[in-house]
Protein backbone atom coordinates (compact mmCIF):
# COMPACT_ATOMS: atom_id res chain seq x y z
CA UNK A 1 -0.01 -0.01 0.00
CA UNK A 2 2.86 2.34 0.88
CA UNK A 3 4.61 1.41 -2.36
CA UNK A 4 1.49 2.27 -4.34
CA UNK A 5 1.31 5.64 -2.63
CA UNK A 6 4.91 6.48 -3.41
CA UNK A 7 4.32 5.48 -7.07
CA UNK A 8 1.36 7.79 -7.34
CA UNK A 9 3.31 10.67 -5.81
CA UNK A 10 6.21 10.08 -8.20
CA UNK A 11 3.84 9.97 -11.14
CA UNK A 12 2.13 13.27 -10.02
CA UNK A 13 5.48 14.98 -9.62
CA UNK A 14 6.66 13.73 -13.03
CA UNK A 15 3.50 15.01 -14.72
CA UNK A 16 3.92 18.38 -13.04
CA UNK A 17 7.44 18.75 -14.30
CA UNK A 18 6.38 17.69 -17.77
CA UNK A 19 3.56 20.29 -17.90
CA UNK A 20 5.84 22.92 -16.58
CA UNK A 21 8.43 22.29 -19.25
CA UNK A 22 5.65 22.31 -21.90
CA UNK A 23 4.28 25.67 -20.82
CA UNK A 24 7.62 27.39 -20.49
CA UNK A 25 9.67 25.70 -23.21
CA UNK A 26 12.38 27.96 -24.60
CA UNK A 27 11.04 27.58 -28.09
CA UNK A 28 7.47 28.63 -27.28
CA UNK A 29 6.09 32.06 -28.08
CA UNK A 30 4.57 32.34 -24.64
CA UNK A 31 7.98 31.88 -22.97
CA UNK A 32 9.51 34.73 -24.94
CA UNK A 33 10.69 37.63 -22.81
CA UNK A 34 9.42 40.17 -25.35
CA UNK A 35 11.73 40.07 -28.34
CA UNK A 36 9.57 38.07 -30.66
CA UNK A 37 6.43 39.47 -29.01
CA UNK A 38 7.28 43.12 -29.58
CA UNK A 39 4.01 43.69 -31.42
CA UNK A 40 1.97 42.35 -28.48
CA UNK A 41 -0.41 39.46 -28.06
CA UNK A 42 -3.52 38.09 -29.77
CA UNK A 43 -5.79 35.28 -28.83
CA UNK A 44 -6.37 32.29 -31.12
CA UNK A 45 -9.75 30.75 -30.34
CA UNK A 46 -11.65 27.69 -31.49
CA UNK A 47 -15.38 27.17 -31.12
CA UNK A 48 -17.63 24.10 -31.30
CA UNK A 49 -15.49 21.35 -29.90
CA UNK A 50 -14.23 18.95 -28.86
CA UNK A 51 -14.44 17.05 -32.14
CA UNK A 52 -12.73 14.11 -33.80
CA UNK A 53 -10.21 16.65 -35.18
CA UNK A 54 -9.35 18.26 -31.82
CA UNK A 55 -6.30 16.08 -31.30
CA UNK A 56 -4.96 17.14 -34.70
CA UNK A 57 -5.49 20.78 -33.86
CA UNK A 58 -3.55 20.32 -30.62
CA UNK A 59 -0.69 18.71 -32.54
CA UNK A 60 -0.68 21.50 -35.08
CA UNK A 61 -0.41 24.07 -32.28
CA UNK A 62 2.46 22.12 -30.66
CA UNK A 63 4.28 21.78 -33.99
CA UNK A 64 3.84 25.53 -34.71
CA UNK A 65 5.83 26.37 -31.57
CA UNK A 66 3.95 25.02 -28.63
CA UNK A 67 1.28 27.59 -29.10
CA UNK A 68 -1.52 27.86 -26.57
CA UNK A 69 -5.05 28.81 -27.55
CA UNK A 70 -8.58 29.03 -26.11
CA UNK A 71 -11.15 26.42 -26.86
CA UNK A 72 -14.81 27.25 -26.37
CA UNK A 73 -16.50 23.91 -25.96
CA UNK A 74 -20.15 22.93 -26.13
CA UNK A 75 -21.62 20.81 -23.36
CA UNK A 76 -23.03 18.07 -25.50
CA UNK A 77 -19.75 17.54 -27.41
CA UNK A 78 -17.73 17.69 -24.21
CA UNK A 79 -20.05 15.13 -22.64
CA UNK A 80 -19.61 12.87 -25.65
CA UNK A 81 -15.78 13.33 -25.86
CA UNK A 82 -14.50 13.85 -22.31
CA UNK A 83 -11.01 12.80 -23.45
CA UNK A 84 -10.95 15.79 -25.78
CA UNK A 85 -11.76 18.29 -23.09
CA UNK A 86 -9.25 16.75 -20.67
CA UNK A 87 -6.52 16.80 -23.29
CA UNK A 88 -7.11 20.44 -24.12
CA UNK A 89 -6.78 21.27 -20.46
CA UNK A 90 -3.71 18.99 -19.91
CA UNK A 91 -1.85 20.74 -22.78
CA UNK A 92 -2.22 24.09 -21.10
CA UNK A 93 -4.95 25.70 -23.20
CA UNK A 94 -7.78 27.83 -21.86
CA UNK A 95 -11.29 26.29 -21.94
CA UNK A 96 -14.38 28.40 -22.27
CA UNK A 97 -18.15 27.72 -22.10
CA UNK A 98 -19.90 27.85 -25.46
CA UNK A 99 -23.38 26.73 -24.21
CA UNK A 100 -24.76 23.19 -23.99
CA UNK A 101 -26.60 22.71 -27.30
CA UNK A 102 -25.40 25.80 -29.25
CA UNK A 103 -28.72 27.65 -29.46
CA UNK A 104 -29.45 31.32 -29.97
CA UNK A 105 -29.56 32.14 -26.30
CA UNK A 106 -31.40 35.40 -26.73
CA UNK A 107 -34.32 33.51 -28.27
CA UNK A 108 -34.68 31.18 -25.21
CA UNK A 109 -36.74 31.89 -22.13
CA UNK A 110 -34.70 32.89 -19.06
CA UNK A 111 -34.57 29.45 -17.29
CA UNK A 112 -33.56 27.59 -20.45
CA UNK A 113 -30.91 30.16 -21.40
CA UNK A 114 -29.31 30.01 -17.92
CA UNK A 115 -29.36 26.20 -17.98
CA UNK A 116 -27.36 26.19 -21.22
CA UNK A 117 -24.50 27.98 -19.46
CA UNK A 118 -24.87 26.30 -16.07
CA UNK A 119 -24.87 22.73 -17.43
CA UNK A 120 -21.85 23.33 -19.64
CA UNK A 121 -19.86 24.78 -16.80
CA UNK A 122 -20.71 21.70 -14.71
CA UNK A 123 -19.47 19.36 -17.44
CA UNK A 124 -16.22 21.27 -17.90
CA UNK A 125 -15.57 21.31 -14.15
CA UNK A 126 -16.31 17.57 -13.84
CA UNK A 127 -13.92 16.79 -16.61
CA UNK A 128 -11.02 19.14 -15.84
CA UNK A 129 -11.45 20.01 -12.16
CA UNK A 130 -11.98 23.69 -12.93
CA UNK A 131 -15.07 25.75 -13.78
CA UNK A 132 -14.57 27.89 -16.89
CA UNK A 133 -14.01 31.60 -16.46
CA UNK A 134 -14.71 32.51 -20.09
CA UNK A 135 -17.93 32.31 -22.07
CA UNK A 136 -18.74 32.87 -25.71
CA UNK A 137 -22.40 32.99 -26.85
CA UNK A 138 -23.19 30.98 -30.00
CA UNK A 139 -23.32 33.17 -33.08
CA UNK A 140 -22.12 36.05 -30.99
CA UNK A 141 -25.81 36.56 -30.12
CA UNK A 142 -25.98 38.19 -26.71
CA UNK A 143 -27.85 40.70 -24.60
CA UNK A 144 -27.87 42.02 -21.05
CA UNK A 145 -29.54 38.88 -19.68
CA UNK A 146 -26.95 36.64 -21.31
CA UNK A 147 -24.11 38.65 -19.91
CA UNK A 148 -25.73 38.58 -16.48
CA UNK A 149 -26.10 34.79 -16.68
CA UNK A 150 -22.40 34.47 -17.53
CA UNK A 151 -21.46 36.79 -14.63
CA UNK A 152 -23.59 34.76 -12.17
CA UNK A 153 -21.43 31.74 -13.06
CA UNK A 154 -18.15 33.70 -12.76
CA UNK A 155 -17.50 34.02 -16.43
CA UNK A 156 -16.35 36.90 -18.64
CA UNK A 157 -18.12 37.12 -22.01
CA UNK A 158 -15.84 36.89 -25.02
CA UNK A 159 -16.79 37.78 -28.53
CA UNK A 160 -14.11 38.33 -31.22
CA UNK A 161 -12.37 41.07 -33.21
CA UNK A 162 -11.22 39.05 -36.28
CA UNK A 163 -13.75 36.68 -37.81
CA UNK A 164 -12.14 34.19 -40.21
CA UNK A 165 -15.49 32.90 -41.46
CA UNK A 166 -13.78 29.50 -41.70
CA UNK A 167 -17.14 27.63 -41.39
CA UNK A 168 -18.28 29.01 -44.76
CA UNK A 169 -16.21 26.60 -46.95
CA UNK A 170 -13.45 29.10 -47.82
CA UNK A 171 -9.89 28.03 -48.52
CA UNK A 172 -7.15 27.74 -45.93
CA UNK A 173 -5.38 30.71 -47.55
CA UNK A 174 -8.36 32.88 -47.14
CA UNK A 175 -8.80 31.78 -43.51
CA UNK A 176 -5.18 32.85 -42.90
CA UNK A 177 -5.74 36.21 -44.57
CA UNK A 178 -8.90 36.83 -42.46
CA UNK A 179 -7.12 35.84 -39.25
CA UNK A 180 -4.22 38.18 -39.93
CA UNK A 181 -6.50 41.21 -39.92
CA UNK A 182 -6.34 40.94 -36.13
CA UNK A 183 -4.81 43.85 -34.20
CA UNK A 184 -2.74 43.64 -30.98
CA UNK A 185 -4.88 42.60 -28.08
CA UNK A 186 -7.47 41.16 -30.47
CA UNK A 187 -9.25 37.79 -30.58
CA UNK A 188 -9.36 35.54 -33.63
CA UNK A 189 -12.43 33.39 -34.21
CA UNK A 190 -11.88 29.91 -35.65
CA UNK A 191 -13.78 26.64 -35.38
CA UNK A 192 -12.89 23.14 -34.35
CA UNK A 193 -13.49 20.22 -36.67
CA UNK A 194 -12.54 21.81 -40.04
CA UNK A 195 -9.71 20.51 -42.19
CA UNK A 196 -9.16 23.87 -43.81
CA UNK A 197 -8.80 25.49 -40.42
CA UNK A 198 -6.37 22.80 -39.33
CA UNK A 199 -4.27 23.49 -42.49
CA UNK A 200 -4.35 27.21 -41.71
CA UNK A 201 -2.91 27.03 -38.16
CA UNK A 202 0.82 27.01 -39.05
CA UNK A 203 0.43 29.90 -41.52
CA UNK A 204 -1.60 31.94 -39.00
CA UNK A 205 1.12 31.48 -36.39
CA UNK A 206 3.84 32.36 -38.88
CA UNK A 207 1.97 35.47 -40.10
CA UNK A 208 1.51 36.67 -36.58
CA UNK A 209 5.17 36.12 -35.81
CA UNK A 210 6.18 38.23 -38.84
CA UNK A 211 4.27 41.14 -37.21
CA UNK A 212 5.87 40.51 -33.83
CA UNK A 213 2.63 39.12 -32.41
CA UNK A 214 2.44 36.11 -30.12
CA UNK A 215 -0.44 33.97 -29.08
CA UNK A 216 -1.80 35.03 -25.69
CA UNK A 217 -4.48 34.18 -23.13
CA UNK A 218 -7.78 35.97 -22.74
CA UNK A 219 -8.17 38.26 -19.77
CA UNK A 220 -10.74 40.76 -18.63
CA UNK A 221 -10.54 44.22 -20.10
CA UNK A 222 -11.80 47.20 -18.11
CA UNK A 223 -12.11 49.15 -21.28
CA UNK A 224 -14.80 48.06 -23.73
CA UNK A 225 -13.68 46.29 -26.90
CA UNK A 226 -15.68 46.59 -30.08
CA UNK A 227 -16.72 43.37 -31.80
CA UNK A 228 -18.72 45.17 -34.49
CA UNK A 229 -20.72 48.42 -34.54
CA UNK A 230 -23.25 48.24 -31.69
CA UNK A 231 -21.63 45.41 -29.74
CA UNK A 232 -18.80 45.68 -27.23
CA UNK A 233 -17.41 43.23 -24.73
CA UNK A 234 -14.75 43.25 -22.03
CA UNK A 235 -11.96 40.82 -22.94
CA UNK A 236 -8.55 41.05 -24.63
CA UNK A 237 -5.43 39.02 -25.26
CA UNK A 238 -2.48 39.28 -22.89
CA UNK A 239 0.75 37.46 -22.16
CA UNK A 240 0.37 33.92 -20.63
């Protein structure tokens, strides 16, 4: 029994060292002291996972320089693929709440809309040990009630500032071009499960690097950020 306990402690310590080396690897953009990140930080985000392609996305991000991103997962997909959610978390990425069934939350009655957020946060916490602190409404459809529901659950609402429109069937090159319209502090919208988006990841990272931009995490912004005319939110990209 004592031997088993020692083995578990050794395994836990080894995993902690491994994750620490992953997060702060010298070759990673996030570990840079500022030279390569002179242009600032932007957030790379993926909606609508986890999917059968999530593992390939994670590999592409590792291969591109151990880049960390933010994955906004839906409750039903997370419930169906718990290994995907756990792997996203284990590799150091942020996980956000993207509702349970991906509805237009504004069109739902109040109890149903709140349940969409609450149930997804419960799934994420059960699978990763942490409740999400970020929330993105499906379709970017939001209102005061939606923001209040997110706040009740301890989440910051996150929209985007650069929409790649990758879901529309456009080419990987066009996805890259759309992503690279992002400005420092901005947030790029991409989607999980698309082969064209998967192919675009290395070029997006390279294009950002050419501008001195590094992938960052999403944090609260006291100043409002404009998603599009008439809609603002309070989130921005910052250094990990």
